[in-house]
Amino acid sequence: MNTRTRKLVGTIILVAFVCLYALIAMTIAVAKLPDTSALVQLIFFVIAGLIWVLPAGLLIRWMVGPR
């Protein structure tokens, strides 16, 4: 697979992943966080806001691929 095709496929997967991840994080937040303190909510949203970076970074590394 050439780099151009790999970037196209990776971009489509990345957009779909981020949308799905956001929906899952929001669902968990709505189901579990309404009765918690502001500190717990802050911690959840900080962690949830950073976790997606790891798989996205791996996908981007794959998209660039070997030259």
Protein backbone atom coordinates (compact mmCIF):
# COMPACT_ATOMS: atom_id res chain seq x y z
CA MET A 1 0.00 0.00 0.00
CA ASN A 2 1.49 3.31 -0.97
CA THR A 3 1.74 6.24 1.42
CA ARG A 4 -1.07 8.20 -0.19
CA THR A 5 -3.59 5.36 0.14
CA ARG A 6 -2.41 4.63 3.66
CA LYS A 7 -3.01 8.26 4.66
CA LEU A 8 -6.50 8.21 3.15
CA VAL A 9 -7.46 5.01 4.96
CA GLY A 10 -5.86 6.23 8.18
CA THR A 11 -7.69 9.54 8.04
CA ILE A 12 -11.06 7.83 7.59
CA ILE A 13 -10.34 5.43 10.45
CA LEU A 14 -9.11 8.25 12.68
CA VAL A 15 -12.21 10.39 12.14
CA ALA A 16 -14.50 7.41 12.77
CA PHE A 17 -12.52 6.43 15.87
CA VAL A 18 -12.61 9.92 17.40
CA CYS A 19 -16.36 10.21 16.81
CA LEU A 20 -17.04 6.78 18.31
CA TYR A 21 -14.71 7.45 21.24
CA ALA A 22 -16.41 10.76 22.00
CA LEU A 23 -19.83 9.10 22.00
CA ILE A 24 -18.62 6.36 24.35
CA ALA A 25 -16.96 8.86 26.70
CA MET A 26 -20.11 10.99 26.80
CA THR A 27 -22.28 7.93 27.46
CA ILE A 28 -20.09 6.89 30.37
CA ALA A 29 -20.08 10.43 31.73
CA VAL A 30 -23.85 10.76 31.59
CA ALA A 31 -24.39 7.35 33.15
CA LYS A 32 -21.82 7.49 35.94
CA LEU A 33 -20.91 11.10 36.76
CA PRO A 34 -24.07 13.08 37.62
CA ASP A 35 -23.90 12.16 41.31
CA THR A 36 -20.16 12.70 41.72
CA SER A 37 -18.18 15.70 42.87
CA ALA A 38 -16.68 18.29 40.56
CA LEU A 39 -13.19 16.93 41.23
CA VAL A 40 -14.15 13.42 40.09
CA GLN A 41 -15.77 14.85 36.97
CA LEU A 42 -12.67 16.93 36.23
CA ILE A 43 -10.41 13.90 36.61
CA PHE A 44 -12.65 11.81 34.36
CA PHE A 45 -12.75 14.41 31.61
CA VAL A 46 -8.99 15.02 31.75
CA ILE A 47 -8.27 11.30 31.48
CA ALA A 48 -10.95 10.73 28.83
CA GLY A 49 -9.65 13.72 26.90
CA LEU A 50 -6.12 12.32 26.78
CA ILE A 51 -6.64 8.56 26.32
CA TRP A 52 -7.60 8.84 22.65
CA VAL A 53 -4.17 10.26 21.86
CA LEU A 54 -2.41 6.89 22.28
CA PRO A 55 -4.30 4.94 19.59
CA ALA A 56 -4.40 8.01 17.36
CA GLY A 57 -0.61 8.33 17.63
CA LEU A 58 -0.13 4.71 16.68
CA LEU A 59 -2.45 5.13 13.72
CA ILE A 60 -0.62 8.25 12.59
CA ARG A 61 2.71 6.43 12.90
CA TRP A 62 1.26 3.69 10.65
CA MET A 63 -0.04 6.29 8.20
CA VAL A 64 3.39 7.82 7.75
CA GLY A 65 4.93 4.36 7.43
CA PRO A 66 8.37 3.49 6.22
CA ARG A 67 9.68 5.74 3.50
